[in-house]
Amino acid sequence: MKLASHSFSDGQPIPAEFAFGVPDLDQHVALGKNRNPDLAWTGAPAGTRSWAIVCVDHDVPSRGDDVNREGRTVPVDLPRVDFFHWVLIDLPGEITAIDAGALSDRIVPRGKHGPAAAHGARQGVNDYTQWFAGDEAMRGDYYGYDGPCPPWNDALPHRYVFTVYALDVERLPVTGRFDGKDILAAMQGHILAQASLTGVYSLNPDVKL
């Protein structure tokens, strides 16, 4: 299988239009257009009945001591954890592409509705759900795609890995509200093939991509 995008190339920067946060000279970060990038995949194995798409940032700081604090920098050698930006499942096997902006084209305070999505697919909650849990204006269930917004003072560029999974079931055995970890567990034993595409992004003007 192969996964590609017209929005960005593998290993290259993700354009700002696909980000939740964009650089701002006065406030460090401003809200972006938050469009999902286009994705297209080829080489479906025999027996593919549905697709799942997951986007994970593998470079989120494991501690928030220095995150977005004036006069501080999140060091490169700080241990990192995963942050799920997109969880899409039950996409019918005959579909092999998603257009840019088709499933997200703006930021929705308190999150977009879910889990129902186009083509009979379902979307899980991403990890902005936890990130905004203590913010009265923004807290809610963030379904579907919400793009990059790494700490503006992080010395490490963040990697965003988009993976499409070919599955041997039409519908994964999850119900109600689910997240990325739930899906990774539910897919075990059902994955026929997978392909990934990685983009990089930073809000730190001192980081070269």
N, C-alpha and C. Protein backbone atom coordinates (compact mmCIF):
# COMPACT_ATOMS: atom_id res chain seq x y z
N MET A 1 0.83 -1.21 0.00
CA MET A 1 0.00 0.00 0.00
C MET A 1 0.86 1.25 0.00
N LYS A 2 0.30 2.31 -0.54
CA LYS A 2 0.99 3.60 -0.54
C LYS A 2 0.00 4.70 -0.20
N LEU A 3 0.42 5.62 0.65
CA LEU A 3 -0.40 6.76 1.05
C LEU A 3 0.29 8.03 0.57
N ALA A 4 -0.47 8.93 -0.06
CA ALA A 4 0.10 10.17 -0.57
C ALA A 4 -0.86 11.32 -0.32
N SER A 5 -0.35 12.55 -0.51
CA SER A 5 -1.15 13.75 -0.32
C SER A 5 -0.64 14.86 -1.22
N HIS A 6 -1.58 15.66 -1.76
CA HIS A 6 -1.21 16.87 -2.48
C HIS A 6 -0.96 18.01 -1.49
N SER A 7 -1.38 17.85 -0.25
CA SER A 7 -1.25 18.91 0.75
C SER A 7 0.18 19.07 1.25
N PHE A 8 0.91 17.96 1.37
CA PHE A 8 2.31 17.98 1.78
C PHE A 8 2.95 16.67 1.37
N SER A 9 4.27 16.69 1.27
CA SER A 9 5.02 15.49 0.90
C SER A 9 5.57 14.81 2.14
N ASP A 10 5.84 13.53 2.02
CA ASP A 10 6.35 12.76 3.16
C ASP A 10 7.65 13.37 3.69
N GLY A 11 7.68 13.62 4.99
CA GLY A 11 8.86 14.18 5.63
C GLY A 11 8.99 15.68 5.53
N GLN A 12 8.02 16.34 4.89
CA GLN A 12 8.09 17.79 4.67
C GLN A 12 7.11 18.54 5.57
N PRO A 13 7.27 19.88 5.67
CA PRO A 13 6.38 20.67 6.52
C PRO A 13 4.92 20.61 6.09
N ILE A 14 4.04 20.61 7.07
CA ILE A 14 2.60 20.71 6.85
C ILE A 14 2.24 22.18 6.70
N PRO A 15 1.58 22.59 5.62
CA PRO A 15 1.19 23.99 5.45
C PRO A 15 0.25 24.46 6.57
N ALA A 16 0.32 25.75 6.87
CA ALA A 16 -0.41 26.31 8.00
C ALA A 16 -1.93 26.14 7.87
N GLU A 17 -2.46 26.06 6.64
CA GLU A 17 -3.91 25.94 6.50
C GLU A 17 -4.46 24.65 7.10
N PHE A 18 -3.59 23.68 7.33
CA PHE A 18 -4.03 22.40 7.90
C PHE A 18 -3.74 22.31 9.39
N ALA A 19 -3.41 23.45 10.00
CA ALA A 19 -3.05 23.48 11.42
C ALA A 19 -4.12 24.15 12.27
N PHE A 20 -4.17 23.74 13.51
CA PHE A 20 -5.06 24.35 14.51
C PHE A 20 -4.47 25.68 14.97
N GLY A 21 -3.13 25.72 15.10
CA GLY A 21 -2.45 26.94 15.53
C GLY A 21 -1.43 27.39 14.50
N VAL A 22 -1.36 28.70 14.26
CA VAL A 22 -0.41 29.26 13.31
C VAL A 22 0.42 30.33 14.01
N PRO A 23 1.63 30.61 13.52
CA PRO A 23 2.49 31.60 14.18
C PRO A 23 1.86 32.99 14.19
N ASP A 24 2.10 33.73 15.27
CA ASP A 24 1.61 35.09 15.43
C ASP A 24 2.70 35.92 16.09
N LEU A 25 3.07 37.04 15.51
CA LEU A 25 4.18 37.84 16.01
C LEU A 25 3.92 38.40 17.40
N ASP A 26 2.67 38.73 17.70
CA ASP A 26 2.34 39.36 18.99
C ASP A 26 2.02 38.36 20.09
N GLN A 27 1.25 37.33 19.75
CA GLN A 27 0.77 36.39 20.76
C GLN A 27 1.42 35.01 20.65
N HIS A 28 2.40 34.87 19.78
CA HIS A 28 3.09 33.60 19.52
C HIS A 28 2.28 32.66 18.65
N VAL A 29 0.98 32.56 18.94
CA VAL A 29 0.14 31.62 18.20
C VAL A 29 -1.26 32.21 18.01
N ALA A 30 -1.83 31.96 16.84
CA ALA A 30 -3.20 32.34 16.54
C ALA A 30 -3.93 31.11 16.00
N LEU A 31 -5.25 31.19 15.94
CA LEU A 31 -6.03 30.07 15.45
C LEU A 31 -5.92 29.96 13.93
N GLY A 32 -5.79 28.74 13.43
CA GLY A 32 -5.64 28.50 12.01
C GLY A 32 -6.93 28.07 11.34
N LYS A 33 -6.83 27.72 10.06
CA LYS A 33 -8.00 27.28 9.29
C LYS A 33 -8.42 25.86 9.65
N ASN A 34 -7.48 25.07 10.14
CA ASN A 34 -7.80 23.75 10.67
C ASN A 34 -8.48 22.83 9.66
N ARG A 35 -8.02 22.88 8.40
CA ARG A 35 -8.56 22.00 7.38
C ARG A 35 -7.84 20.65 7.43
N ASN A 36 -8.57 19.57 7.20
CA ASN A 36 -7.88 18.29 7.08
C ASN A 36 -7.16 18.25 5.73
N PRO A 37 -5.96 17.67 5.67
CA PRO A 37 -5.26 17.54 4.40
C PRO A 37 -5.93 16.48 3.53
N ASP A 38 -5.70 16.57 2.22
CA ASP A 38 -6.20 15.50 1.36
C ASP A 38 -5.30 14.27 1.51
N LEU A 39 -5.90 13.12 1.39
CA LEU A 39 -5.17 11.85 1.45
C LEU A 39 -5.70 10.94 0.36
N ALA A 40 -4.81 10.16 -0.25
CA ALA A 40 -5.22 9.17 -1.25
C ALA A 40 -4.31 7.96 -1.10
N TRP A 41 -4.89 6.78 -1.23
CA TRP A 41 -4.11 5.57 -1.04
C TRP A 41 -4.40 4.55 -2.14
N THR A 42 -3.39 3.73 -2.41
CA THR A 42 -3.47 2.71 -3.46
C THR A 42 -2.93 1.39 -2.92
N GLY A 43 -3.22 0.32 -3.66
CA GLY A 43 -2.69 -0.99 -3.29
C GLY A 43 -3.50 -1.71 -2.24
N ALA A 44 -4.82 -1.52 -2.27
CA ALA A 44 -5.67 -2.21 -1.29
C ALA A 44 -5.52 -3.72 -1.42
N PRO A 45 -5.27 -4.41 -0.32
CA PRO A 45 -5.16 -5.87 -0.39
C PRO A 45 -6.53 -6.53 -0.58
N ALA A 46 -6.52 -7.74 -1.11
CA ALA A 46 -7.76 -8.50 -1.26
C ALA A 46 -8.41 -8.69 0.11
N GLY A 47 -9.73 -8.55 0.14
CA GLY A 47 -10.45 -8.75 1.39
C GLY A 47 -10.65 -7.48 2.19
N THR A 48 -10.21 -6.32 1.67
CA THR A 48 -10.40 -5.05 2.39
C THR A 48 -11.87 -4.68 2.40
N ARG A 49 -12.42 -4.50 3.59
CA ARG A 49 -13.84 -4.18 3.71
C ARG A 49 -14.07 -2.77 4.27
N SER A 50 -13.05 -2.22 4.93
CA SER A 50 -13.16 -0.85 5.42
C SER A 50 -11.76 -0.30 5.67
N TRP A 51 -11.74 1.01 5.92
CA TRP A 51 -10.48 1.70 6.21
C TRP A 51 -10.58 2.44 7.54
N ALA A 52 -9.45 2.58 8.19
CA ALA A 52 -9.34 3.45 9.37
C ALA A 52 -8.18 4.40 9.12
N ILE A 53 -8.33 5.63 9.56
CA ILE A 53 -7.26 6.62 9.43
C ILE A 53 -6.98 7.21 10.81
N VAL A 54 -5.71 7.25 11.14
CA VAL A 54 -5.28 7.79 12.43
C VAL A 54 -4.14 8.77 12.18
N CYS A 55 -4.18 9.91 12.87
CA CYS A 55 -3.06 10.87 12.85
C CYS A 55 -2.57 11.06 14.28
N VAL A 56 -1.27 10.84 14.47
CA VAL A 56 -0.67 10.93 15.80
C VAL A 56 0.56 11.84 15.77
N ASP A 57 0.64 12.72 16.74
CA ASP A 57 1.87 13.49 16.99
C ASP A 57 2.65 12.71 18.05
N HIS A 58 3.84 12.26 17.68
CA HIS A 58 4.65 11.46 18.61
C HIS A 58 5.57 12.31 19.49
N ASP A 59 5.50 13.63 19.38
CA ASP A 59 6.50 14.49 20.02
C ASP A 59 5.94 15.46 21.05
N VAL A 60 4.84 15.12 21.66
CA VAL A 60 4.23 15.99 22.67
C VAL A 60 5.01 15.90 23.99
N PRO A 61 5.33 17.04 24.60
CA PRO A 61 6.08 17.01 25.86
C PRO A 61 5.38 16.17 26.92
N SER A 62 6.15 15.35 27.62
CA SER A 62 5.58 14.50 28.67
C SER A 62 5.30 15.29 29.95
N ARG A 63 5.89 16.47 30.06
CA ARG A 63 5.62 17.36 31.20
C ARG A 63 5.35 18.76 30.67
N GLY A 64 4.47 19.48 31.38
CA GLY A 64 4.10 20.81 30.91
C GLY A 64 4.79 21.95 31.62
N ASP A 65 5.86 21.66 32.36
CA ASP A 65 6.53 22.70 33.16
C ASP A 65 6.93 23.92 32.34
N ASP A 66 7.45 23.69 31.13
CA ASP A 66 7.97 24.78 30.32
C ASP A 66 7.07 25.16 29.15
N VAL A 67 5.99 24.44 28.96
CA VAL A 67 5.16 24.61 27.77
C VAL A 67 4.53 25.99 27.70
N ASN A 68 4.80 26.69 26.59
CA ASN A 68 4.22 28.01 26.31
C ASN A 68 4.44 29.01 27.43
N ARG A 69 5.64 29.00 27.99
CA ARG A 69 5.98 29.95 29.05
C ARG A 69 7.06 30.88 28.57
N GLU A 70 6.84 32.18 28.79
CA GLU A 70 7.80 33.19 28.38
C GLU A 70 9.15 32.95 29.06
N GLY A 71 10.22 33.10 28.29
CA GLY A 71 11.55 32.96 28.83
C GLY A 71 11.99 31.52 29.06
N ARG A 72 11.16 30.57 28.66
CA ARG A 72 11.49 29.15 28.82
C ARG A 72 11.46 28.46 27.47
N THR A 73 12.14 27.32 27.39
CA THR A 73 12.14 26.51 26.18
C THR A 73 11.89 25.06 26.55
N VAL A 74 11.04 24.39 25.81
CA VAL A 74 10.85 22.95 26.00
C VAL A 74 12.05 22.26 25.37
N PRO A 75 12.88 21.57 26.17
CA PRO A 75 14.13 21.01 25.64
C PRO A 75 13.89 19.82 24.71
N VAL A 76 14.80 19.66 23.77
CA VAL A 76 14.72 18.58 22.80
C VAL A 76 14.74 17.21 23.48
N ASP A 77 15.52 17.09 24.54
CA ASP A 77 15.70 15.78 25.16
C ASP A 77 14.62 15.41 26.18
N LEU A 78 13.59 16.23 26.32
CA LEU A 78 12.48 15.87 27.20
C LEU A 78 11.76 14.65 26.65
N PRO A 79 11.45 13.65 27.48
CA PRO A 79 10.67 12.49 26.99
C PRO A 79 9.34 12.95 26.38
N ARG A 80 8.93 12.26 25.33
CA ARG A 80 7.74 12.65 24.58
C ARG A 80 6.66 11.58 24.64
N VAL A 81 5.40 12.01 24.42
CA VAL A 81 4.26 11.10 24.44
C VAL A 81 3.42 11.35 23.18
N ASP A 82 2.47 10.45 22.94
CA ASP A 82 1.61 10.55 21.75
C ASP A 82 0.39 11.44 22.01
N PHE A 83 -0.05 12.10 20.94
CA PHE A 83 -1.25 12.94 20.96
C PHE A 83 -2.02 12.64 19.68
N PHE A 84 -3.23 12.12 19.81
CA PHE A 84 -4.04 11.77 18.64
C PHE A 84 -4.77 13.01 18.11
N HIS A 85 -4.60 13.27 16.81
CA HIS A 85 -5.23 14.41 16.16
C HIS A 85 -6.42 14.00 15.29
N TRP A 86 -6.50 12.72 14.94
CA TRP A 86 -7.58 12.29 14.05
C TRP A 86 -7.79 10.80 14.22
N VAL A 87 -9.04 10.39 14.36
CA VAL A 87 -9.42 8.98 14.43
C VAL A 87 -10.67 8.81 13.58
N LEU A 88 -10.52 8.12 12.45
CA LEU A 88 -11.62 7.90 11.53
C LEU A 88 -11.71 6.40 11.24
N ILE A 89 -12.90 5.82 11.39
CA ILE A 89 -13.07 4.38 11.16
C ILE A 89 -14.31 4.11 10.32
N ASP A 90 -14.42 2.85 9.89
CA ASP A 90 -15.59 2.38 9.13
C ASP A 90 -15.77 3.09 7.80
N LEU A 91 -14.68 3.60 7.23
CA LEU A 91 -14.74 4.20 5.90
C LEU A 91 -14.86 3.05 4.89
N PRO A 92 -15.90 3.04 4.04
CA PRO A 92 -16.14 1.90 3.14
C PRO A 92 -14.94 1.56 2.26
N GLY A 93 -14.77 0.29 1.97
CA GLY A 93 -13.62 -0.20 1.24
C GLY A 93 -13.46 0.36 -0.16
N GLU A 94 -14.57 0.82 -0.78
CA GLU A 94 -14.47 1.34 -2.14
C GLU A 94 -13.93 2.77 -2.19
N ILE A 95 -13.85 3.44 -1.06
CA ILE A 95 -13.33 4.81 -1.01
C ILE A 95 -11.81 4.75 -0.83
N THR A 96 -11.10 5.51 -1.64
CA THR A 96 -9.64 5.50 -1.57
C THR A 96 -9.04 6.90 -1.53
N ALA A 97 -9.85 7.90 -1.17
CA ALA A 97 -9.32 9.26 -1.08
C ALA A 97 -10.25 10.11 -0.22
N ILE A 98 -9.67 11.12 0.40
CA ILE A 98 -10.42 12.13 1.16
C ILE A 98 -9.92 13.49 0.70
N ASP A 99 -10.83 14.37 0.31
CA ASP A 99 -10.45 15.70 -0.16
C ASP A 99 -10.03 16.60 0.99
N ALA A 100 -9.17 17.56 0.68
CA ALA A 100 -8.77 18.56 1.67
C ALA A 100 -9.99 19.34 2.14
N GLY A 101 -10.13 19.49 3.45
CA GLY A 101 -11.23 20.25 4.02
C GLY A 101 -12.56 19.53 4.05
N ALA A 102 -12.60 18.28 3.59
CA ALA A 102 -13.88 17.56 3.51
C ALA A 102 -14.45 17.22 4.88
N LEU A 103 -13.59 16.98 5.86
CA LEU A 103 -14.06 16.57 7.18
C LEU A 103 -13.72 17.58 8.28
N SER A 104 -12.96 18.61 7.93
CA SER A 104 -12.69 19.69 8.87
C SER A 104 -12.24 20.91 8.06
N ASP A 105 -12.90 22.05 8.29
CA ASP A 105 -12.51 23.25 7.56
C ASP A 105 -12.51 24.50 8.45
N ARG A 106 -12.52 24.29 9.77
CA ARG A 106 -12.46 25.41 10.71
C ARG A 106 -12.30 24.85 12.12
N ILE A 107 -12.02 25.74 13.05
CA ILE A 107 -11.99 25.35 14.46
C ILE A 107 -13.38 25.53 15.04
N VAL A 108 -13.85 24.52 15.75
CA VAL A 108 -15.17 24.58 16.39
C VAL A 108 -14.97 24.55 17.89
N PRO A 109 -15.18 25.68 18.59
CA PRO A 109 -15.06 25.66 20.05
C PRO A 109 -15.96 24.59 20.66
N ARG A 110 -15.44 23.85 21.60
CA ARG A 110 -16.10 22.72 22.25
C ARG A 110 -16.19 21.49 21.37
N GLY A 111 -15.60 21.57 20.17
CA GLY A 111 -15.46 20.39 19.33
C GLY A 111 -16.57 20.18 18.32
N LYS A 112 -16.18 19.51 17.22
CA LYS A 112 -17.16 19.15 16.20
C LYS A 112 -18.00 17.98 16.69
N HIS A 113 -19.18 17.84 16.08
CA HIS A 113 -20.08 16.76 16.47
C HIS A 113 -19.56 15.41 15.98
N GLY A 114 -19.98 14.35 16.63
CA GLY A 114 -19.61 13.00 16.23
C GLY A 114 -20.46 12.02 17.02
N PRO A 115 -20.22 10.73 16.78
CA PRO A 115 -19.16 10.17 15.93
C PRO A 115 -19.51 10.02 14.45
N ALA A 116 -20.78 10.26 14.05
CA ALA A 116 -21.17 10.04 12.67
C ALA A 116 -20.40 10.96 11.73
N ALA A 117 -19.95 10.41 10.58
CA ALA A 117 -19.21 11.17 9.59
C ALA A 117 -19.71 10.79 8.20
N ALA A 118 -19.16 11.43 7.18
CA ALA A 118 -19.57 11.17 5.80
C ALA A 118 -19.32 9.72 5.41
N HIS A 119 -20.08 9.24 4.43
CA HIS A 119 -19.95 7.90 3.87
C HIS A 119 -20.28 6.80 4.88
N GLY A 120 -20.98 7.14 5.96
CA GLY A 120 -21.31 6.14 6.96
C GLY A 120 -20.16 5.82 7.91
N ALA A 121 -19.07 6.57 7.80
CA ALA A 121 -17.93 6.37 8.69
C ALA A 121 -18.20 6.95 10.07
N ARG A 122 -17.31 6.66 10.99
CA ARG A 122 -17.39 7.22 12.34
C ARG A 122 -16.04 7.85 12.71
N GLN A 123 -16.11 8.91 13.52
CA GLN A 123 -14.90 9.57 13.99
C GLN A 123 -14.86 9.54 15.52
N GLY A 124 -13.67 9.27 16.03
CA GLY A 124 -13.48 9.27 17.47
C GLY A 124 -13.09 10.65 17.96
N VAL A 125 -12.99 10.79 19.27
CA VAL A 125 -12.53 12.05 19.86
C VAL A 125 -11.00 12.09 19.79
N ASN A 126 -10.47 13.26 19.48
CA ASN A 126 -9.03 13.43 19.49
C ASN A 126 -8.59 13.96 20.85
N ASP A 127 -7.29 14.14 21.02
CA ASP A 127 -6.78 14.47 22.35
C ASP A 127 -6.90 15.94 22.74
N TYR A 128 -7.45 16.78 21.84
CA TYR A 128 -7.82 18.13 22.29
C TYR A 128 -8.94 18.05 23.32
N THR A 129 -9.67 16.96 23.31
CA THR A 129 -10.72 16.75 24.31
C THR A 129 -10.14 16.83 25.72
N GLN A 130 -8.99 16.20 25.93
CA GLN A 130 -8.33 16.26 27.23
C GLN A 130 -7.60 17.58 27.43
N TRP A 131 -6.99 18.08 26.35
CA TRP A 131 -6.21 19.32 26.45
C TRP A 131 -7.06 20.49 26.92
N PHE A 132 -8.30 20.59 26.42
CA PHE A 132 -9.17 21.71 26.75
C PHE A 132 -10.12 21.42 27.91
N ALA A 133 -9.93 20.31 28.59
CA ALA A 133 -10.87 19.90 29.65
C ALA A 133 -11.03 20.96 30.74
N GLY A 134 -9.99 21.72 31.02
CA GLY A 134 -10.07 22.73 32.07
C GLY A 134 -10.38 24.12 31.58
N ASP A 135 -10.67 24.27 30.29
CA ASP A 135 -10.94 25.58 29.69
C ASP A 135 -12.44 25.74 29.50
N GLU A 136 -13.04 26.66 30.25
CA GLU A 136 -14.49 26.82 30.24
C GLU A 136 -15.02 27.14 28.84
N ALA A 137 -14.28 27.93 28.07
CA ALA A 137 -14.76 28.35 26.75
C ALA A 137 -14.56 27.29 25.68
N MET A 138 -13.63 26.37 25.90
CA MET A 138 -13.26 25.44 24.84
C MET A 138 -13.53 23.97 25.16
N ARG A 139 -13.79 23.62 26.39
CA ARG A 139 -13.90 22.21 26.74
C ARG A 139 -15.10 21.54 26.06
N GLY A 140 -14.91 20.29 25.72
CA GLY A 140 -15.95 19.52 25.04
C GLY A 140 -15.34 18.30 24.39
N ASP A 141 -16.14 17.56 23.64
CA ASP A 141 -15.67 16.38 22.92
C ASP A 141 -15.26 16.80 21.51
N TYR A 142 -13.97 16.68 21.22
CA TYR A 142 -13.43 17.09 19.92
C TYR A 142 -13.36 15.88 18.98
N TYR A 143 -14.43 15.72 18.20
CA TYR A 143 -14.49 14.62 17.25
C TYR A 143 -13.77 14.97 15.95
N GLY A 144 -13.21 13.95 15.31
CA GLY A 144 -12.62 14.13 14.00
C GLY A 144 -11.26 14.79 14.02
N TYR A 145 -10.96 15.51 12.94
CA TYR A 145 -9.63 16.09 12.75
C TYR A 145 -9.52 17.47 13.38
N ASP A 146 -8.48 17.67 14.18
CA ASP A 146 -8.05 18.98 14.62
C ASP A 146 -6.54 18.98 14.50
N GLY A 147 -6.01 19.94 13.76
CA GLY A 147 -4.63 19.90 13.32
C GLY A 147 -3.57 20.30 14.32
N PRO A 148 -2.33 20.44 13.85
CA PRO A 148 -1.19 20.73 14.73
C PRO A 148 -1.29 22.05 15.48
N CYS A 149 -0.83 22.02 16.70
CA CYS A 149 -0.67 23.23 17.51
C CYS A 149 0.36 22.93 18.61
N PRO A 150 1.61 22.67 18.21
CA PRO A 150 2.63 22.33 19.21
C PRO A 150 3.00 23.55 20.04
N PRO A 151 3.63 23.36 21.20
CA PRO A 151 4.05 24.50 22.01
C PRO A 151 4.91 25.47 21.19
N TRP A 152 4.64 26.77 21.33
CA TRP A 152 5.37 27.75 20.53
C TRP A 152 6.83 27.91 20.97
N ASN A 153 7.17 27.31 22.11
CA ASN A 153 8.56 27.40 22.59
C ASN A 153 9.24 26.04 22.61
N ASP A 154 8.72 25.09 21.83
CA ASP A 154 9.33 23.76 21.79
C ASP A 154 10.53 23.77 20.84
N ALA A 155 11.67 23.31 21.32
CA ALA A 155 12.88 23.26 20.50
C ALA A 155 12.86 22.10 19.51
N LEU A 156 11.90 21.19 19.66
CA LEU A 156 11.81 20.02 18.80
C LEU A 156 10.68 20.19 17.78
N PRO A 157 10.96 20.04 16.49
CA PRO A 157 9.86 20.02 15.52
C PRO A 157 9.02 18.76 15.72
N HIS A 158 7.72 18.90 15.59
CA HIS A 158 6.83 17.77 15.83
C HIS A 158 6.54 17.00 14.55
N ARG A 159 6.46 15.67 14.68
CA ARG A 159 6.14 14.78 13.56
C ARG A 159 4.68 14.34 13.67
N TYR A 160 3.95 14.51 12.58
CA TYR A 160 2.54 14.12 12.54
C TYR A 160 2.41 12.97 11.55
N VAL A 161 2.11 11.79 12.08
CA VAL A 161 2.08 10.59 11.26
C VAL A 161 0.63 10.22 10.93
N PHE A 162 0.30 10.29 9.64
CA PHE A 162 -1.01 9.87 9.15
C PHE A 162 -0.89 8.43 8.66
N THR A 163 -1.73 7.56 9.17
CA THR A 163 -1.69 6.15 8.78
C THR A 163 -3.07 5.69 8.35
N VAL A 164 -3.13 5.03 7.20
CA VAL A 164 -4.37 4.41 6.76
C VAL A 164 -4.23 2.90 6.93
N TYR A 165 -5.25 2.28 7.49
CA TYR A 165 -5.26 0.84 7.75
C TYR A 165 -6.34 0.18 6.90
N ALA A 166 -5.96 -0.88 6.19
CA ALA A 166 -6.92 -1.72 5.48
C ALA A 166 -7.41 -2.80 6.44
N LEU A 167 -8.71 -2.88 6.63
CA LEU A 167 -9.28 -3.79 7.61
C LEU A 167 -10.19 -4.84 6.96
N ASP A 168 -10.29 -5.99 7.61
CA ASP A 168 -11.10 -7.09 7.07
C ASP A 168 -12.51 -7.11 7.62
N VAL A 169 -12.94 -6.02 8.26
CA VAL A 169 -14.30 -5.89 8.79
C VAL A 169 -14.92 -4.60 8.28
N GLU A 170 -16.24 -4.58 8.11
CA GLU A 170 -16.92 -3.37 7.67
C GLU A 170 -17.06 -2.36 8.80
N ARG A 171 -17.13 -2.87 10.02
CA ARG A 171 -17.36 -1.99 11.16
C ARG A 171 -16.56 -2.51 12.35
N LEU A 172 -15.77 -1.64 12.94
CA LEU A 172 -14.98 -2.05 14.10
C LEU A 172 -15.87 -2.19 15.33
N PRO A 173 -15.54 -3.14 16.22
CA PRO A 173 -16.39 -3.41 17.38
C PRO A 173 -16.18 -2.43 18.53
N VAL A 174 -16.49 -1.15 18.26
CA VAL A 174 -16.48 -0.15 19.31
C VAL A 174 -17.81 0.58 19.25
N THR A 175 -18.28 1.06 20.39
CA THR A 175 -19.55 1.78 20.43
C THR A 175 -19.39 3.06 21.23
N GLY A 176 -20.35 3.97 21.01
CA GLY A 176 -20.35 5.21 21.78
C GLY A 176 -19.15 6.09 21.49
N ARG A 177 -18.64 6.69 22.52
CA ARG A 177 -17.51 7.62 22.43
C ARG A 177 -16.22 6.82 22.51
N PHE A 178 -15.34 6.97 21.53
CA PHE A 178 -14.09 6.22 21.51
C PHE A 178 -12.95 7.15 21.11
N ASP A 179 -11.72 6.73 21.44
CA ASP A 179 -10.55 7.55 21.12
C ASP A 179 -9.50 6.71 20.38
N GLY A 180 -8.34 7.29 20.17
CA GLY A 180 -7.30 6.63 19.40
C GLY A 180 -6.83 5.33 20.02
N LYS A 181 -6.65 5.30 21.31
CA LYS A 181 -6.20 4.08 21.97
C LYS A 181 -7.23 2.96 21.84
N ASP A 182 -8.51 3.34 21.91
CA ASP A 182 -9.57 2.34 21.73
C ASP A 182 -9.50 1.71 20.35
N ILE A 183 -9.23 2.54 19.34
CA ILE A 183 -9.20 2.05 17.97
C ILE A 183 -7.99 1.17 17.71
N LEU A 184 -6.83 1.58 18.21
CA LEU A 184 -5.64 0.76 18.02
C LEU A 184 -5.84 -0.63 18.61
N ALA A 185 -6.53 -0.70 19.74
CA ALA A 185 -6.81 -2.00 20.36
C ALA A 185 -7.83 -2.79 19.55
N ALA A 186 -8.89 -2.10 19.07
CA ALA A 186 -9.97 -2.78 18.34
C ALA A 186 -9.50 -3.31 16.98
N MET A 187 -8.49 -2.68 16.39
CA MET A 187 -8.02 -3.11 15.07
C MET A 187 -7.14 -4.35 15.11
N GLN A 188 -6.64 -4.69 16.28
CA GLN A 188 -5.74 -5.85 16.36
C GLN A 188 -6.43 -7.11 15.84
N GLY A 189 -5.73 -7.80 14.94
CA GLY A 189 -6.29 -9.00 14.34
C GLY A 189 -7.12 -8.74 13.09
N HIS A 190 -7.33 -7.44 12.76
CA HIS A 190 -8.15 -7.09 11.59
C HIS A 190 -7.38 -6.32 10.53
N ILE A 191 -6.11 -6.01 10.79
CA ILE A 191 -5.32 -5.19 9.86
C ILE A 191 -4.72 -6.07 8.76
N LEU A 192 -5.10 -5.76 7.51
CA LEU A 192 -4.55 -6.47 6.36
C LEU A 192 -3.29 -5.80 5.83
N ALA A 193 -3.25 -4.50 5.90
CA ALA A 193 -2.09 -3.72 5.44
C ALA A 193 -2.23 -2.30 5.99
N GLN A 194 -1.15 -1.54 5.92
CA GLN A 194 -1.19 -0.15 6.35
C GLN A 194 -0.11 0.65 5.62
N ALA A 195 -0.32 1.97 5.56
CA ALA A 195 0.65 2.86 4.93
C ALA A 195 0.61 4.18 5.67
N SER A 196 1.76 4.83 5.76
CA SER A 196 1.87 6.07 6.55
C SER A 196 2.51 7.19 5.75
N LEU A 197 2.23 8.40 6.20
CA LEU A 197 2.76 9.63 5.64
C LEU A 197 3.04 10.57 6.80
N THR A 198 4.24 11.15 6.83
CA THR A 198 4.63 11.99 7.96
C THR A 198 4.85 13.43 7.52
N GLY A 199 4.24 14.36 8.25
CA GLY A 199 4.49 15.78 8.06
C GLY A 199 5.09 16.37 9.31
N VAL A 200 5.82 17.46 9.18
CA VAL A 200 6.43 18.11 10.34
C VAL A 200 5.86 19.53 10.48
N TYR A 201 5.87 20.03 11.73
CA TYR A 201 5.29 21.34 11.99
C TYR A 201 5.88 21.91 13.27
N SER A 202 6.03 23.22 13.30
CA SER A 202 6.52 23.91 14.48
C SER A 202 5.96 25.32 14.51
N LEU A 203 5.73 25.84 15.72
CA LEU A 203 5.34 27.23 15.92
C LEU A 203 6.49 28.05 16.46
N ASN A 204 7.64 27.41 16.64
CA ASN A 204 8.82 28.08 17.18
C ASN A 204 9.62 28.68 16.03
N PRO A 205 9.75 30.01 15.97
CA PRO A 205 10.46 30.64 14.85
C PRO A 205 11.95 30.27 14.80
N ASP A 206 12.48 29.74 15.89
CA ASP A 206 13.89 29.36 15.92
C ASP A 206 14.13 27.94 15.40
N VAL A 207 13.05 27.21 15.14
CA VAL A 207 13.18 25.83 14.66
C VAL A 207 13.15 25.81 13.15
N LYS A 208 14.13 25.18 12.54
CA LYS A 208 14.17 25.06 11.10
C LYS A 208 13.62 23.70 10.68
N LEU A 209 12.63 23.73 9.79
CA LEU A 209 12.00 22.50 9.34
C LEU A 209 12.66 22.00 8.04
